[in-house]
């Protein structure tokens, strides 16, 4: 009896997606428990459960303007409980980025299937550009493009990483 009562406290009514129709429906039980330490505020928006509160204010990483959560798209991924988080770039800035990338791709068609950075073959090269000047730099593989992004496209950060590898490496 105590176990059943504990289980009731662990479960919240949630929306689940119907696998046949793709529609969402309300269901008070589902096939796994959400632990108490993982239960967070969430709300339903456009058929998805979003982590947070509908009144949340978020600062856009690009324009630095604080806006209501409705101005941000949900991330394409979700956590193990099928809850989504919001992107940190607002819809207006995201649209500007999309337009910029499409323009750069039209102006600079791919010449080969090799990454301009590491020279490895890749079928899905990405358009690499300077995020400040918006100038096209080349076609890079996913690893090189995200790697440079993690170092914020700053030579100083890359040099520090090289120095760290030299200092700790066993050559």
C-alpha atoms as a PDB file:
ATOM      1  CA  UNK A   1       0.000   0.000   0.000  1.00  0.00           C
ATOM      2  CA  UNK A   2       2.803   2.435   0.892  1.00  0.00           C
ATOM      3  CA  UNK A   3       4.619   1.585  -2.371  1.00  0.00           C
ATOM      4  CA  UNK A   4       1.502   2.335  -4.432  1.00  0.00           C
ATOM      5  CA  UNK A   5       1.032   5.668  -2.642  1.00  0.00           C
ATOM      6  CA  UNK A   6       4.695   6.580  -3.317  1.00  0.00           C
ATOM      7  CA  UNK A   7       4.233   5.691  -6.977  1.00  0.00           C
ATOM      8  CA  UNK A   8       1.239   8.029  -7.186  1.00  0.00           C
ATOM      9  CA  UNK A   9       3.375  10.878  -5.847  1.00  0.00           C
ATOM     10  CA  UNK A  10       6.051  10.218  -8.489  1.00  0.00           C
ATOM     11  CA  UNK A  11       3.672  10.390 -11.428  1.00  0.00           C
ATOM     12  CA  UNK A  12       2.260  13.614 -12.835  1.00  0.00           C
ATOM     13  CA  UNK A  13      -0.417  13.752 -15.515  1.00  0.00           C
ATOM     14  CA  UNK A  14       1.368  14.440 -18.805  1.00  0.00           C
ATOM     15  CA  UNK A  15       0.647  14.702 -22.484  1.00  0.00           C
ATOM     16  CA  UNK A  16       1.782  11.761 -24.577  1.00  0.00           C
ATOM     17  CA  UNK A  17       2.040  11.479 -28.309  1.00  0.00           C
ATOM     18  CA  UNK A  18      -0.218   8.966 -30.020  1.00  0.00           C
ATOM     19  CA  UNK A  19       2.110   6.891 -32.208  1.00  0.00           C
ATOM     20  CA  UNK A  20      -0.591   6.213 -34.805  1.00  0.00           C
ATOM     21  CA  UNK A  21      -1.972   9.703 -35.413  1.00  0.00           C
ATOM     22  CA  UNK A  22       0.879  11.883 -34.139  1.00  0.00           C
ATOM     23  CA  UNK A  23      -1.642  13.791 -31.990  1.00  0.00           C
ATOM     24  CA  UNK A  24      -1.100  14.328 -28.301  1.00  0.00           C
ATOM     25  CA  UNK A  25      -3.548  13.174 -25.653  1.00  0.00           C
ATOM     26  CA  UNK A  26      -3.775  13.575 -21.902  1.00  0.00           C
ATOM     27  CA  UNK A  27      -2.966  10.507 -19.855  1.00  0.00           C
ATOM     28  CA  UNK A  28      -2.555  10.269 -16.107  1.00  0.00           C
ATOM     29  CA  UNK A  29      -0.309   7.177 -16.204  1.00  0.00           C
ATOM     30  CA  UNK A  30       2.569   6.381 -18.461  1.00  0.00           C
ATOM     31  CA  UNK A  31       5.132   3.624 -18.654  1.00  0.00           C
ATOM     32  CA  UNK A  32       7.925   5.174 -16.553  1.00  0.00           C
ATOM     33  CA  UNK A  33       8.183   7.182 -13.359  1.00  0.00           C
ATOM     34  CA  UNK A  34       9.553  10.723 -13.246  1.00  0.00           C
ATOM     35  CA  UNK A  35      11.702  10.841 -10.098  1.00  0.00           C
ATOM     36  CA  UNK A  36      10.867  13.649  -7.691  1.00  0.00           C
ATOM     37  CA  UNK A  37      14.241  15.338  -8.235  1.00  0.00           C
ATOM     38  CA  UNK A  38      13.555  15.475 -12.003  1.00  0.00           C
ATOM     39  CA  UNK A  39      10.056  16.950 -11.738  1.00  0.00           C
ATOM     40  CA  UNK A  40      10.268  20.580 -12.836  1.00  0.00           C
ATOM     41  CA  UNK A  41       7.817  23.232 -13.930  1.00  0.00           C
ATOM     42  CA  UNK A  42       6.566  22.544 -17.421  1.00  0.00           C
ATOM     43  CA  UNK A  43       3.817  23.797 -19.670  1.00  0.00           C
ATOM     44  CA  UNK A  44       2.249  22.780 -22.951  1.00  0.00           C
ATOM     45  CA  UNK A  45       2.949  24.845 -26.081  1.00  0.00           C
ATOM     46  CA  UNK A  46       2.090  23.838 -29.649  1.00  0.00           C
ATOM     47  CA  UNK A  47       1.616  20.209 -28.606  1.00  0.00           C
ATOM     48  CA  UNK A  48       4.960  19.930 -26.784  1.00  0.00           C
ATOM     49  CA  UNK A  49       5.849  19.973 -23.101  1.00  0.00           C
ATOM     50  CA  UNK A  50       8.359  22.744 -22.452  1.00  0.00           C
ATOM     51  CA  UNK A  51      10.522  22.908 -19.330  1.00  0.00           C
ATOM     52  CA  UNK A  52       9.983  26.134 -17.438  1.00  0.00           C
ATOM     53  CA  UNK A  53       7.142  28.589 -17.002  1.00  0.00           C
ATOM     54  CA  UNK A  54       5.052  30.403 -19.666  1.00  0.00           C
ATOM     55  CA  UNK A  55       5.965  33.727 -18.034  1.00  0.00           C
ATOM     56  CA  UNK A  56       9.740  33.105 -18.222  1.00  0.00           C
ATOM     57  CA  UNK A  57      11.876  35.905 -19.649  1.00  0.00           C
ATOM     58  CA  UNK A  58      14.973  34.873 -21.616  1.00  0.00           C
ATOM     59  CA  UNK A  59      17.891  36.982 -22.867  1.00  0.00           C
ATOM     60  CA  UNK A  60      18.725  36.297 -26.519  1.00  0.00           C
ATOM     61  CA  UNK A  61      22.387  35.377 -26.967  1.00  0.00           C
ATOM     62  CA  UNK A  62      22.619  37.352 -30.231  1.00  0.00           C
ATOM     63  CA  UNK A  63      20.673  40.599 -29.765  1.00  0.00           C
ATOM     64  CA  UNK A  64      21.001  40.642 -25.925  1.00  0.00           C
ATOM     65  CA  UNK A  65      17.311  41.659 -25.587  1.00  0.00           C
ATOM     66  CA  UNK A  66      15.259  40.011 -22.826  1.00  0.00           C
ATOM     67  CA  UNK A  67      12.020  38.617 -24.261  1.00  0.00           C
ATOM     68  CA  UNK A  68       9.145  36.380 -23.213  1.00  0.00           C
ATOM     69  CA  UNK A  69       9.633  32.656 -23.857  1.00  0.00           C
ATOM     70  CA  UNK A  70       7.087  32.792 -26.723  1.00  0.00           C
ATOM     71  CA  UNK A  71       9.788  34.537 -28.815  1.00  0.00           C
ATOM     72  CA  UNK A  72      12.023  31.411 -28.706  1.00  0.00           C
ATOM     73  CA  UNK A  73      11.711  28.150 -30.637  1.00  0.00           C
ATOM     74  CA  UNK A  74      11.837  24.793 -28.808  1.00  0.00           C
ATOM     75  CA  UNK A  75      15.056  22.863 -29.291  1.00  0.00           C
ATOM     76  CA  UNK A  76      14.817  19.943 -31.720  1.00  0.00           C
ATOM     77  CA  UNK A  77      15.833  17.413 -29.049  1.00  0.00           C
ATOM     78  CA  UNK A  78      14.082  16.472 -25.852  1.00  0.00           C
ATOM     79  CA  UNK A  79      15.054  14.897 -22.548  1.00  0.00           C
ATOM     80  CA  UNK A  80      14.289  11.288 -21.552  1.00  0.00           C
ATOM     81  CA  UNK A  81      10.849  12.397 -20.321  1.00  0.00           C
ATOM     82  CA  UNK A  82      10.008  13.984 -23.729  1.00  0.00           C
ATOM     83  CA  UNK A  83      10.252  17.551 -22.404  1.00  0.00           C
ATOM     84  CA  UNK A  84      11.817  20.209 -24.590  1.00  0.00           C
ATOM     85  CA  UNK A  85      13.970  23.180 -23.675  1.00  0.00           C
ATOM     86  CA  UNK A  86      13.990  26.463 -25.578  1.00  0.00           C
ATOM     87  CA  UNK A  87      16.766  27.720 -27.844  1.00  0.00           C
ATOM     88  CA  UNK A  88      18.741  30.659 -26.451  1.00  0.00           C
ATOM     89  CA  UNK A  89      18.464  32.659 -29.698  1.00  0.00           C
ATOM     90  CA  UNK A  90      15.155  34.442 -30.374  1.00  0.00           C
ATOM     91  CA  UNK A  91      13.033  33.771 -33.467  1.00  0.00           C
ATOM     92  CA  UNK A  92      14.011  37.080 -35.119  1.00  0.00           C
ATOM     93  CA  UNK A  93      17.767  36.461 -34.752  1.00  0.00           C
ATOM     94  CA  UNK A  94      17.360  32.798 -35.768  1.00  0.00           C
ATOM     95  CA  UNK A  95      15.587  33.902 -38.959  1.00  0.00           C
ATOM     96  CA  UNK A  96      18.385  36.404 -39.732  1.00  0.00           C
ATOM     97  CA  UNK A  97      20.962  33.606 -39.281  1.00  0.00           C
ATOM     98  CA  UNK A  98      18.999  31.325 -41.620  1.00  0.00           C
ATOM     99  CA  UNK A  99      18.791  34.029 -44.304  1.00  0.00           C
ATOM    100  CA  UNK A 100      22.528  34.764 -43.963  1.00  0.00           C
ATOM    101  CA  UNK A 101      23.525  31.095 -44.264  1.00  0.00           C
ATOM    102  CA  UNK A 102      21.280  30.594 -47.318  1.00  0.00           C
ATOM    103  CA  UNK A 103      22.806  33.682 -48.983  1.00  0.00           C
ATOM    104  CA  UNK A 104      26.374  32.501 -48.259  1.00  0.00           C
ATOM    105  CA  UNK A 105      25.595  29.032 -49.643  1.00  0.00           C
ATOM    106  CA  UNK A 106      24.221  30.527 -52.893  1.00  0.00           C
ATOM    107  CA  UNK A 107      27.190  32.872 -53.301  1.00  0.00           C
ATOM    108  CA  UNK A 108      29.832  30.215 -52.465  1.00  0.00           C
ATOM    109  CA  UNK A 109      28.896  26.817 -53.921  1.00  0.00           C
ATOM    110  CA  UNK A 110      30.859  23.766 -52.780  1.00  0.00           C
ATOM    111  CA  UNK A 111      33.809  22.897 -54.986  1.00  0.00           C
ATOM    112  CA  UNK A 112      34.735  19.534 -53.436  1.00  0.00           C
ATOM    113  CA  UNK A 113      33.764  17.025 -50.752  1.00  0.00           C
ATOM    114  CA  UNK A 114      36.842  17.695 -48.606  1.00  0.00           C
ATOM    115  CA  UNK A 115      36.902  19.841 -45.471  1.00  0.00           C
ATOM    116  CA  UNK A 116      38.840  23.094 -45.953  1.00  0.00           C
ATOM    117  CA  UNK A 117      40.200  22.780 -42.396  1.00  0.00           C
ATOM    118  CA  UNK A 118      41.221  19.142 -41.832  1.00  0.00           C
ATOM    119  CA  UNK A 119      41.204  18.036 -45.522  1.00  0.00           C
ATOM    120  CA  UNK A 120      39.141  14.911 -44.682  1.00  0.00           C
ATOM    121  CA  UNK A 121      36.368  13.649 -46.953  1.00  0.00           C
ATOM    122  CA  UNK A 122      32.820  14.456 -45.836  1.00  0.00           C
ATOM    123  CA  UNK A 123      29.526  14.238 -47.715  1.00  0.00           C
ATOM    124  CA  UNK A 124      27.809  16.862 -45.568  1.00  0.00           C
ATOM    125  CA  UNK A 125      30.103  19.870 -45.333  1.00  0.00           C
ATOM    126  CA  UNK A 126      28.860  22.956 -43.510  1.00  0.00           C
ATOM    127  CA  UNK A 127      29.098  26.595 -44.490  1.00  0.00           C
ATOM    128  CA  UNK A 128      31.662  28.189 -42.143  1.00  0.00           C
ATOM    129  CA  UNK A 129      31.518  31.960 -41.655  1.00  0.00           C
ATOM    130  CA  UNK A 130      32.790  34.665 -39.333  1.00  0.00           C
ATOM    131  CA  UNK A 131      30.047  35.386 -36.808  1.00  0.00           C
ATOM    132  CA  UNK A 132      31.066  39.051 -36.444  1.00  0.00           C
ATOM    133  CA  UNK A 133      31.747  40.145 -40.038  1.00  0.00           C
ATOM    134  CA  UNK A 134      29.432  37.493 -41.588  1.00  0.00           C
ATOM    135  CA  UNK A 135      32.140  36.759 -44.166  1.00  0.00           C
ATOM    136  CA  UNK A 136      32.301  33.289 -45.733  1.00  0.00           C
ATOM    137  CA  UNK A 137      35.417  31.318 -44.683  1.00  0.00           C
ATOM    138  CA  UNK A 138      34.996  27.937 -46.310  1.00  0.00           C
ATOM    139  CA  UNK A 139      33.335  24.543 -46.230  1.00  0.00           C
ATOM    140  CA  UNK A 140      34.101  22.512 -43.102  1.00  0.00           C
ATOM    141  CA  UNK A 141      33.077  19.155 -41.696  1.00  0.00           C
ATOM    142  CA  UNK A 142      30.852  19.031 -38.617  1.00  0.00           C
ATOM    143  CA  UNK A 143      33.783  18.264 -36.275  1.00  0.00           C
ATOM    144  CA  UNK A 144      35.868  21.233 -37.437  1.00  0.00           C
ATOM    145  CA  UNK A 145      32.920  23.635 -37.552  1.00  0.00           C
ATOM    146  CA  UNK A 146      31.637  22.812 -34.067  1.00  0.00           C
ATOM    147  CA  UNK A 147      35.200  22.607 -32.723  1.00  0.00           C
ATOM    148  CA  UNK A 148      35.964  26.149 -33.858  1.00  0.00           C
ATOM    149  CA  UNK A 149      32.624  27.264 -32.463  1.00  0.00           C
ATOM    150  CA  UNK A 150      33.429  25.759 -29.063  1.00  0.00           C
ATOM    151  CA  UNK A 151      36.595  27.848 -29.021  1.00  0.00           C
ATOM    152  CA  UNK A 152      34.467  30.887 -29.985  1.00  0.00           C
ATOM    153  CA  UNK A 153      36.414  31.282 -33.262  1.00  0.00           C
ATOM    154  CA  UNK A 154      39.215  32.943 -31.270  1.00  0.00           C
ATOM    155  CA  UNK A 155      42.832  32.214 -32.138  1.00  0.00           C
ATOM    156  CA  UNK A 156      43.884  32.848 -28.518  1.00  0.00           C
ATOM    157  CA  UNK A 157      41.563  30.067 -27.291  1.00  0.00           C
ATOM    158  CA  UNK A 158      42.861  27.657 -29.934  1.00  0.00           C
ATOM    159  CA  UNK A 159      46.484  28.508 -29.034  1.00  0.00           C
ATOM    160  CA  UNK A 160      45.730  27.824 -25.360  1.00  0.00           C
ATOM    161  CA  UNK A 161      44.317  24.417 -26.323  1.00  0.00           C
ATOM    162  CA  UNK A 162      47.425  23.639 -28.405  1.00  0.00           C
ATOM    163  CA  UNK A 163      49.681  24.669 -25.509  1.00  0.00           C
ATOM    164  CA  UNK A 164      47.677  22.475 -23.128  1.00  0.00           C
ATOM    165  CA  UNK A 165      48.052  19.440 -25.434  1.00  0.00           C
ATOM    166  CA  UNK A 166      51.812  20.095 -25.778  1.00  0.00           C
ATOM    167  CA  UNK A 167      52.204  20.497 -22.002  1.00  0.00           C
ATOM    168  CA  UNK A 168      50.256  17.351 -21.091  1.00  0.00           C
ATOM    169  CA  UNK A 169      51.060  15.146 -24.101  1.00  0.00           C
ATOM    170  CA  UNK A 170      53.523  12.243 -24.114  1.00  0.00           C
ATOM    171  CA  UNK A 171      55.365  12.666 -27.408  1.00  0.00           C
END
